[in-house]
Amino acid sequence: MGRAAKPWYRKDRNAWCVNVQGKCIKLVNGKANRNEAYRRFLALTPTETKAVTARVTGKEACALFLEFAHANLKPKTYDCRST
């Protein structure tokens, strides 16, 4: 599961930012504006800050592995893995 999004200070740009769904969003300029950055972060909608994770069941993971093994391994090795 991914980490929860929260504001962090980006020194090279002198700005407070937050990573949301793989994108860096600038909240406010200046290191002293930490409280304003948190206010703007809390103003984002919950769907914008929700971490995106893929959920796979154990059965699906095994099926994906066997599919990979069938395509990339020798038949004898695949037979050993699939039993």
PDB file of N, CA and C in Angstrom:
ATOM      1  N   MET A   1       0.851  -1.167   0.000  1.00  0.00           N
ATOM      2  CA  MET A   1       0.000   0.000   0.000  1.00  0.00           C
ATOM      3  C   MET A   1       0.900   1.234   0.000  1.00  0.00           C
ATOM      4  N   GLY A   2       0.521   2.271  -0.749  1.00  0.00           N
ATOM      5  CA  GLY A   2       1.294   3.485  -0.833  1.00  0.00           C
ATOM      6  C   GLY A   2       1.189   4.322   0.429  1.00  0.00           C
ATOM      7  N   ARG A   3       2.127   5.227   0.565  1.00  0.00           N
ATOM      8  CA  ARG A   3       2.096   6.141   1.713  1.00  0.00           C
ATOM      9  C   ARG A   3       0.995   7.174   1.544  1.00  0.00           C
ATOM     10  N   ALA A   4       0.525   7.673   2.653  1.00  0.00           N
ATOM     11  CA  ALA A   4      -0.479   8.740   2.619  1.00  0.00           C
ATOM     12  C   ALA A   4       0.194  10.027   2.163  1.00  0.00           C
ATOM     13  N   ALA A   5      -0.501  10.792   1.349  1.00  0.00           N
ATOM     14  CA  ALA A   5       0.045  12.046   0.853  1.00  0.00           C
ATOM     15  C   ALA A   5       0.112  13.064   1.988  1.00  0.00           C
ATOM     16  N   LYS A   6       1.214  13.837   2.017  1.00  0.00           N
ATOM     17  CA  LYS A   6       1.335  14.934   2.974  1.00  0.00           C
ATOM     18  C   LYS A   6       2.311  15.963   2.408  1.00  0.00           C
ATOM     19  N   PRO A   7       2.179  17.222   2.788  1.00  0.00           N
ATOM     20  CA  PRO A   7       3.063  18.268   2.272  1.00  0.00           C
ATOM     21  C   PRO A   7       4.511  18.060   2.714  1.00  0.00           C
ATOM     22  N   TRP A   8       5.442  18.438   1.839  1.00  0.00           N
ATOM     23  CA  TRP A   8       6.861  18.393   2.149  1.00  0.00           C
ATOM     24  C   TRP A   8       7.531  19.590   1.492  1.00  0.00           C
ATOM     25  N   TYR A   9       8.644  20.025   2.090  1.00  0.00           N
ATOM     26  CA  TYR A   9       9.345  21.210   1.603  1.00  0.00           C
ATOM     27  C   TYR A   9      10.348  20.823   0.541  1.00  0.00           C
ATOM     28  N   ARG A  10      10.283  21.468  -0.606  1.00  0.00           N
ATOM     29  CA  ARG A  10      11.221  21.236  -1.701  1.00  0.00           C
ATOM     30  C   ARG A  10      12.212  22.390  -1.738  1.00  0.00           C
ATOM     31  N   LYS A  11      13.422  22.098  -1.253  1.00  0.00           N
ATOM     32  CA  LYS A  11      14.431  23.134  -1.060  1.00  0.00           C
ATOM     33  C   LYS A  11      14.853  23.806  -2.372  1.00  0.00           C
ATOM     34  N   ASP A  12      15.047  23.034  -3.442  1.00  0.00           N
ATOM     35  CA  ASP A  12      15.535  23.605  -4.701  1.00  0.00           C
ATOM     36  C   ASP A  12      14.555  24.589  -5.338  1.00  0.00           C
ATOM     37  N   ARG A  13      13.287  24.487  -5.014  1.00  0.00           N
ATOM     38  CA  ARG A  13      12.279  25.405  -5.562  1.00  0.00           C
ATOM     39  C   ARG A  13      11.720  26.367  -4.517  1.00  0.00           C
ATOM     40  N   ASN A  14      12.188  26.216  -3.266  1.00  0.00           N
ATOM     41  CA  ASN A  14      11.710  27.046  -2.158  1.00  0.00           C
ATOM     42  C   ASN A  14      10.178  27.026  -2.104  1.00  0.00           C
ATOM     43  N   ALA A  15       9.634  25.794  -2.134  1.00  0.00           N
ATOM     44  CA  ALA A  15       8.177  25.649  -2.175  1.00  0.00           C
ATOM     45  C   ALA A  15       7.742  24.416  -1.398  1.00  0.00           C
ATOM     46  N   TRP A  16       6.514  24.469  -0.897  1.00  0.00           N
ATOM     47  CA  TRP A  16       5.884  23.310  -0.268  1.00  0.00           C
ATOM     48  C   TRP A  16       5.100  22.586  -1.348  1.00  0.00           C
ATOM     49  N   CYS A  17       5.282  21.267  -1.421  1.00  0.00           N
ATOM     50  CA  CYS A  17       4.648  20.456  -2.446  1.00  0.00           C
ATOM     51  C   CYS A  17       3.984  19.241  -1.814  1.00  0.00           C
ATOM     52  N   VAL A  18       3.187  18.554  -2.617  1.00  0.00           N
ATOM     53  CA  VAL A  18       2.589  17.291  -2.209  1.00  0.00           C
ATOM     54  C   VAL A  18       2.546  16.396  -3.445  1.00  0.00           C
ATOM     55  N   ASN A  19       2.840  15.123  -3.259  1.00  0.00           N
ATOM     56  CA  ASN A  19       2.742  14.151  -4.349  1.00  0.00           C
ATOM     57  C   ASN A  19       1.371  13.501  -4.287  1.00  0.00           C
ATOM     58  N   VAL A  20       0.630  13.621  -5.385  1.00  0.00           N
ATOM     59  CA  VAL A  20      -0.701  13.041  -5.473  1.00  0.00           C
ATOM     60  C   VAL A  20      -0.783  12.243  -6.761  1.00  0.00           C
ATOM     61  N   GLN A  21      -1.012  10.946  -6.630  1.00  0.00           N
ATOM     62  CA  GLN A  21      -1.136  10.033  -7.757  1.00  0.00           C
ATOM     63  C   GLN A  21       0.035  10.169  -8.722  1.00  0.00           C
ATOM     64  N   GLY A  22       1.244  10.282  -8.169  1.00  0.00           N
ATOM     65  CA  GLY A  22       2.460  10.329  -8.967  1.00  0.00           C
ATOM     66  C   GLY A  22       2.813  11.693  -9.517  1.00  0.00           C
ATOM     67  N   LYS A  23       2.071  12.725  -9.188  1.00  0.00           N
ATOM     68  CA  LYS A  23       2.361  14.069  -9.677  1.00  0.00           C
ATOM     69  C   LYS A  23       2.668  14.992  -8.512  1.00  0.00           C
ATOM     70  N   CYS A  24       3.649  15.873  -8.708  1.00  0.00           N
ATOM     71  CA  CYS A  24       4.032  16.841  -7.683  1.00  0.00           C
ATOM     72  C   CYS A  24       3.187  18.104  -7.863  1.00  0.00           C
ATOM     73  N   ILE A  25       2.448  18.467  -6.831  1.00  0.00           N
ATOM     74  CA  ILE A  25       1.609  19.670  -6.862  1.00  0.00           C
ATOM     75  C   ILE A  25       2.210  20.698  -5.914  1.00  0.00           C
ATOM     76  N   LYS A  26       2.499  21.885  -6.437  1.00  0.00           N
ATOM     77  CA  LYS A  26       3.041  22.965  -5.610  1.00  0.00           C
ATOM     78  C   LYS A  26       1.899  23.625  -4.852  1.00  0.00           C
ATOM     79  N   LEU A  27       2.073  23.717  -3.527  1.00  0.00           N
ATOM     80  CA  LEU A  27       1.027  24.303  -2.690  1.00  0.00           C
ATOM     81  C   LEU A  27       1.259  25.787  -2.428  1.00  0.00           C
ATOM     82  N   VAL A  28       2.504  26.142  -2.034  1.00  0.00           N
ATOM     83  CA  VAL A  28       2.797  27.525  -1.679  1.00  0.00           C
ATOM     84  C   VAL A  28       4.314  27.734  -1.716  1.00  0.00           C
ATOM     85  N   ASN A  29       4.751  28.978  -1.979  1.00  0.00           N
ATOM     86  CA  ASN A  29       6.178  29.317  -1.975  1.00  0.00           C
ATOM     87  C   ASN A  29       6.639  29.727  -0.584  1.00  0.00           C
ATOM     88  N   GLY A  30       7.927  29.507  -0.296  1.00  0.00           N
ATOM     89  CA  GLY A  30       8.525  29.969   0.950  1.00  0.00           C
ATOM     90  C   GLY A  30       8.472  28.962   2.077  1.00  0.00           C
ATOM     91  N   LYS A  31       9.624  28.744   2.712  1.00  0.00           N
ATOM     92  CA  LYS A  31       9.705  27.764   3.793  1.00  0.00           C
ATOM     93  C   LYS A  31       8.864  28.174   5.000  1.00  0.00           C
ATOM     94  N   ALA A  32       8.720  29.474   5.233  1.00  0.00           N
ATOM     95  CA  ALA A  32       7.976  29.969   6.392  1.00  0.00           C
ATOM     96  C   ALA A  32       6.466  29.757   6.258  1.00  0.00           C
ATOM     97  N   ASN A  33       5.986  29.387   5.086  1.00  0.00           N
ATOM     98  CA  ASN A  33       4.553  29.239   4.839  1.00  0.00           C
ATOM     99  C   ASN A  33       4.060  27.807   5.042  1.00  0.00           C
ATOM    100  N   ARG A  34       4.628  27.112   6.006  1.00  0.00           N
ATOM    101  CA  ARG A  34       4.261  25.714   6.267  1.00  0.00           C
ATOM    102  C   ARG A  34       2.779  25.571   6.619  1.00  0.00           C
ATOM    103  N   ASN A  35       2.284  26.433   7.491  1.00  0.00           N
ATOM    104  CA  ASN A  35       0.869  26.339   7.898  1.00  0.00           C
ATOM    105  C   ASN A  35      -0.079  26.563   6.722  1.00  0.00           C
ATOM    106  N   GLU A  36       0.264  27.508   5.852  1.00  0.00           N
ATOM    107  CA  GLU A  36      -0.571  27.760   4.677  1.00  0.00           C
ATOM    108  C   GLU A  36      -0.535  26.553   3.732  1.00  0.00           C
ATOM    109  N   ALA A  37       0.610  25.902   3.629  1.00  0.00           N
ATOM    110  CA  ALA A  37       0.714  24.705   2.792  1.00  0.00           C
ATOM    111  C   ALA A  37      -0.207  23.613   3.312  1.00  0.00           C
ATOM    112  N   TYR A  38      -0.229  23.415   4.628  1.00  0.00           N
ATOM    113  CA  TYR A  38      -1.116  22.398   5.201  1.00  0.00           C
ATOM    114  C   TYR A  38      -2.582  22.780   5.016  1.00  0.00           C
ATOM    115  N   ARG A  39      -2.910  24.070   5.109  1.00  0.00           N
ATOM    116  CA  ARG A  39      -4.291  24.500   4.872  1.00  0.00           C
ATOM    117  C   ARG A  39      -4.717  24.174   3.442  1.00  0.00           C
ATOM    118  N   ARG A  40      -3.840  24.482   2.481  1.00  0.00           N
ATOM    119  CA  ARG A  40      -4.169  24.207   1.082  1.00  0.00           C
ATOM    120  C   ARG A  40      -4.234  22.703   0.813  1.00  0.00           C
ATOM    121  N   PHE A  41      -3.368  21.947   1.476  1.00  0.00           N
ATOM    122  CA  PHE A  41      -3.395  20.498   1.330  1.00  0.00           C
ATOM    123  C   PHE A  41      -4.722  19.938   1.829  1.00  0.00           C
ATOM    124  N   LEU A  42      -5.191  20.410   2.968  1.00  0.00           N
ATOM    125  CA  LEU A  42      -6.461  19.938   3.522  1.00  0.00           C
ATOM    126  C   LEU A  42      -7.652  20.376   2.686  1.00  0.00           C
ATOM    127  N   ALA A  43      -7.477  21.448   1.892  1.00  0.00           N
ATOM    128  CA  ALA A  43      -8.557  21.923   1.033  1.00  0.00           C
ATOM    129  C   ALA A  43      -8.714  21.048  -0.216  1.00  0.00           C
ATOM    130  N   LEU A  44      -7.685  20.245  -0.543  1.00  0.00           N
ATOM    131  CA  LEU A  44      -7.807  19.337  -1.684  1.00  0.00           C
ATOM    132  C   LEU A  44      -8.903  18.326  -1.386  1.00  0.00           C
ATOM    133  N   THR A  45      -9.581  17.877  -2.396  1.00  0.00           N
ATOM    134  CA  THR A  45     -10.644  16.901  -2.175  1.00  0.00           C
ATOM    135  C   THR A  45     -10.048  15.549  -1.808  1.00  0.00           C
ATOM    136  N   PRO A  46     -10.752  14.741  -1.036  1.00  0.00           N
ATOM    137  CA  PRO A  46     -10.233  13.426  -0.638  1.00  0.00           C
ATOM    138  C   PRO A  46      -9.896  12.518  -1.815  1.00  0.00           C
ATOM    139  N   THR A  47     -10.601  12.652  -2.934  1.00  0.00           N
ATOM    140  CA  THR A  47     -10.289  11.809  -4.086  1.00  0.00           C
ATOM    141  C   THR A  47      -8.957  12.200  -4.717  1.00  0.00           C
ATOM    142  N   GLU A  48      -8.547  13.460  -4.571  1.00  0.00           N
ATOM    143  CA  GLU A  48      -7.263  13.892  -5.116  1.00  0.00           C
ATOM    144  C   GLU A  48      -6.097  13.352  -4.300  1.00  0.00           C
ATOM    145  N   THR A  49      -6.288  13.173  -3.010  1.00  0.00           N
ATOM    146  CA  THR A  49      -5.189  12.752  -2.148  1.00  0.00           C
ATOM    147  C   THR A  49      -5.192  11.255  -1.859  1.00  0.00           C
ATOM    148  N   LYS A  50      -6.179  10.542  -2.356  1.00  0.00           N
ATOM    149  CA  LYS A  50      -6.266   9.108  -2.092  1.00  0.00           C
ATOM    150  C   LYS A  50      -5.148   8.381  -2.831  1.00  0.00           C
ATOM    151  N   ALA A  51      -4.439   7.501  -2.122  1.00  0.00           N
ATOM    152  CA  ALA A  51      -3.379   6.715  -2.742  1.00  0.00           C
ATOM    153  C   ALA A  51      -3.987   5.667  -3.663  1.00  0.00           C
ATOM    154  N   VAL A  52      -3.334   5.440  -4.779  1.00  0.00           N
ATOM    155  CA  VAL A  52      -3.804   4.450  -5.738  1.00  0.00           C
ATOM    156  C   VAL A  52      -2.984   3.183  -5.558  1.00  0.00           C
ATOM    157  N   THR A  53      -3.637   2.077  -5.276  1.00  0.00           N
ATOM    158  CA  THR A  53      -2.951   0.804  -5.121  1.00  0.00           C
ATOM    159  C   THR A  53      -3.702  -0.263  -5.898  1.00  0.00           C
ATOM    160  N   ALA A  54      -2.964  -1.221  -6.376  1.00  0.00           N
ATOM    161  CA  ALA A  54      -3.577  -2.336  -7.075  1.00  0.00           C
ATOM    162  C   ALA A  54      -3.773  -3.470  -6.081  1.00  0.00           C
ATOM    163  N   ARG A  55      -4.943  -4.032  -6.027  1.00  0.00           N
ATOM    164  CA  ARG A  55      -5.223  -5.150  -5.128  1.00  0.00           C
ATOM    165  C   ARG A  55      -5.363  -6.418  -5.969  1.00  0.00           C
ATOM    166  N   VAL A  56      -4.539  -7.392  -5.637  1.00  0.00           N
ATOM    167  CA  VAL A  56      -4.543  -8.659  -6.350  1.00  0.00           C
ATOM    168  C   VAL A  56      -4.694  -9.767  -5.327  1.00  0.00           C
ATOM    169  N   THR A  57      -5.575 -10.717  -5.610  1.00  0.00           N
ATOM    170  CA  THR A  57      -5.738 -11.849  -4.707  1.00  0.00           C
ATOM    171  C   THR A  57      -4.579 -12.826  -4.907  1.00  0.00           C
ATOM    172  N   GLY A  58      -4.411 -13.727  -3.973  1.00  0.00           N
ATOM    173  CA  GLY A  58      -3.366 -14.734  -4.082  1.00  0.00           C
ATOM    174  C   GLY A  58      -3.550 -15.609  -5.305  1.00  0.00           C
ATOM    175  N   LYS A  59      -4.790 -15.967  -5.580  1.00  0.00           N
ATOM    176  CA  LYS A  59      -5.100 -16.808  -6.741  1.00  0.00           C
ATOM    177  C   LYS A  59      -4.713 -16.091  -8.036  1.00  0.00           C
ATOM    178  N   GLU A  60      -5.016 -14.791  -8.122  1.00  0.00           N
ATOM    179  CA  GLU A  60      -4.660 -14.015  -9.314  1.00  0.00           C
ATOM    180  C   GLU A  60      -3.149 -13.893  -9.462  1.00  0.00           C
ATOM    181  N   ALA A  61      -2.437 -13.708  -8.343  1.00  0.00           N
ATOM    182  CA  ALA A  61      -0.974 -13.600  -8.391  1.00  0.00           C
ATOM    183  C   ALA A  61      -0.358 -14.900  -8.897  1.00  0.00           C
ATOM    184  N   CYS A  62      -0.865 -16.026  -8.425  1.00  0.00           N
ATOM    185  CA  CYS A  62      -0.359 -17.324  -8.885  1.00  0.00           C
ATOM    186  C   CYS A  62      -0.635 -17.521 -10.369  1.00  0.00           C
ATOM    187  N   ALA A  63      -1.834 -17.147 -10.813  1.00  0.00           N
ATOM    188  CA  ALA A  63      -2.183 -17.280 -12.228  1.00  0.00           C
ATOM    189  C   ALA A  63      -1.277 -16.403 -13.096  1.00  0.00           C
ATOM    190  N   LEU A  64      -0.987 -15.190 -12.634  1.00  0.00           N
ATOM    191  CA  LEU A  64      -0.093 -14.305 -13.382  1.00  0.00           C
ATOM    192  C   LEU A  64       1.313 -14.884 -13.455  1.00  0.00           C
ATOM    193  N   PHE A  65       1.792 -15.463 -12.348  1.00  0.00           N
ATOM    194  CA  PHE A  65       3.121 -16.070 -12.349  1.00  0.00           C
ATOM    195  C   PHE A  65       3.176 -17.246 -13.316  1.00  0.00           C
ATOM    196  N   LEU A  66       2.155 -18.102 -13.296  1.00  0.00           N
ATOM    197  CA  LEU A  66       2.151 -19.256 -14.194  1.00  0.00           C
ATOM    198  C   LEU A  66       2.076 -18.831 -15.655  1.00  0.00           C
ATOM    199  N   GLU A  67       1.351 -17.768 -15.938  1.00  0.00           N
ATOM    200  CA  GLU A  67       1.286 -17.228 -17.300  1.00  0.00           C
ATOM    201  C   GLU A  67       2.674 -16.756 -17.741  1.00  0.00           C
ATOM    202  N   PHE A  68       3.368 -16.032 -16.844  1.00  0.00           N
ATOM    203  CA  PHE A  68       4.725 -15.582 -17.128  1.00  0.00           C
ATOM    204  C   PHE A  68       5.656 -16.778 -17.319  1.00  0.00           C
ATOM    205  N   ALA A  69       5.559 -17.773 -16.429  1.00  0.00           N
ATOM    206  CA  ALA A  69       6.425 -18.944 -16.491  1.00  0.00           C
ATOM    207  C   ALA A  69       6.216 -19.708 -17.794  1.00  0.00           C
ATOM    208  N   HIS A  70       4.974 -19.846 -18.212  1.00  0.00           N
ATOM    209  CA  HIS A  70       4.668 -20.563 -19.449  1.00  0.00           C
ATOM    210  C   HIS A  70       5.304 -19.858 -20.651  1.00  0.00           C
ATOM    211  N   ALA A  71       5.303 -18.535 -20.647  1.00  0.00           N
ATOM    212  CA  ALA A  71       5.844 -17.767 -21.768  1.00  0.00           C
ATOM    213  C   ALA A  71       7.366 -17.646 -21.724  1.00  0.00           C
ATOM    214  N   ASN A  72       7.995 -17.713 -20.544  1.00  0.00           N
ATOM    215  CA  ASN A  72       9.415 -17.385 -20.435  1.00  0.00           C
ATOM    216  C   ASN A  72      10.331 -18.512 -19.960  1.00  0.00           C
ATOM    217  N   LEU A  73       9.790 -19.595 -19.465  1.00  0.00           N
ATOM    218  CA  LEU A  73      10.614 -20.678 -18.949  1.00  0.00           C
ATOM    219  C   LEU A  73      10.516 -21.910 -19.838  1.00  0.00           C
ATOM    220  N   LYS A  74      11.460 -22.805 -19.664  1.00  0.00           N
ATOM    221  CA  LYS A  74      11.447 -24.053 -20.422  1.00  0.00           C
ATOM    222  C   LYS A  74      10.254 -24.895 -19.964  1.00  0.00           C
ATOM    223  N   PRO A  75       9.727 -25.741 -20.862  1.00  0.00           N
ATOM    224  CA  PRO A  75       8.543 -26.550 -20.520  1.00  0.00           C
ATOM    225  C   PRO A  75       8.734 -27.408 -19.266  1.00  0.00           C
ATOM    226  N   LYS A  76       9.917 -27.968 -19.077  1.00  0.00           N
ATOM    227  CA  LYS A  76      10.157 -28.809 -17.905  1.00  0.00           C
ATOM    228  C   LYS A  76      10.059 -27.986 -16.609  1.00  0.00           C
ATOM    229  N   THR A  77      10.598 -26.777 -16.644  1.00  0.00           N
ATOM    230  CA  THR A  77      10.535 -25.898 -15.476  1.00  0.00           C
ATOM    231  C   THR A  77       9.094 -25.466 -15.210  1.00  0.00           C
ATOM    232  N   TYR A  78       8.371 -25.152 -16.278  1.00  0.00           N
ATOM    233  CA  TYR A  78       6.959 -24.754 -16.121  1.00  0.00           C
ATOM    234  C   TYR A  78       6.142 -25.893 -15.493  1.00  0.00           C
ATOM    235  N   ASP A  79       6.357 -27.114 -15.968  1.00  0.00           N
ATOM    236  CA  ASP A  79       5.633 -28.258 -15.414  1.00  0.00           C
ATOM    237  C   ASP A  79       5.922 -28.433 -13.934  1.00  0.00           C
ATOM    238  N   CYS A  80       7.171 -28.205 -13.538  1.00  0.00           N
ATOM    239  CA  CYS A  80       7.548 -28.309 -12.127  1.00  0.00           C
ATOM    240  C   CYS A  80       6.848 -27.234 -11.295  1.00  0.00           C
ATOM    241  N   ARG A  81       6.739 -26.028 -11.818  1.00  0.00           N
ATOM    242  CA  ARG A  81       6.131 -24.914 -11.080  1.00  0.00           C
ATOM    243  C   ARG A  81       4.612 -25.019 -11.011  1.00  0.00           C
ATOM    244  N   SER A  82       4.001 -25.620 -12.009  1.00  0.00           N
ATOM    245  CA  SER A  82       2.544 -25.619 -12.082  1.00  0.00           C
ATOM    246  C   SER A  82       1.896 -26.758 -11.296  1.00  0.00           C
ATOM    247  N   THR A  83       2.681 -27.659 -10.732  1.00  0.00           N
ATOM    248  CA  THR A  83       2.076 -28.765  -9.972  1.00  0.00           C
ATOM    249  C   THR A  83       1.948 -28.436  -8.518  1.00  0.00           C
TER     250      THR A  83
END
